[in-house]
């Protein structure tokens, strides 16, 4: 009984810290110049690379899948911008990219409460009048993270949904 009381006393103090840490991951990537490189070392994955030959106009990420209750953030390193999405749909990114190589990070910023399951999937496409006219990377997801709790945790990306992408705008 004594331990239950101690747990109830410390629980309220620990909860804000957890949600604060998840929200600060966007700031981490925007403010720490080493964040991209350090993350690449931790997750041991090569970023998905996409070349967009016809500029940024009408370019965006289509969030095709997202676990109910989750929130995912897109972080654009070069322009120091971010976008948070809570539901599927199109997110215009033409103002968040610039000519040349752009590094993009996607990460779960709010989990519905079940850290053993989440999924999100972004497709890079160009929309005109809300209709996709070009879909890049052969229509495959450029940023996708799935964790269903059945696999052992190998690195932090399993629990935070961190994915990296490089988009070259020509």
Foldseek 3Di string as FASTA:
>chain_A
DVVVVVCVVCVVVVVVVVLVVLQCVLVCLQPDPCVVVVVCVFVVDDAAEWEDEPAQAQKWKFWPDKDQQWKKKKAKHPQSDMDIDRDTGIDRCRVVDDAFKIKIKMWISGDNPDLQWIKIFIWIFGDDPNHTPGTTPVRHTSAMATGNNPDDDRGPCNRIVIHMYMYHYD
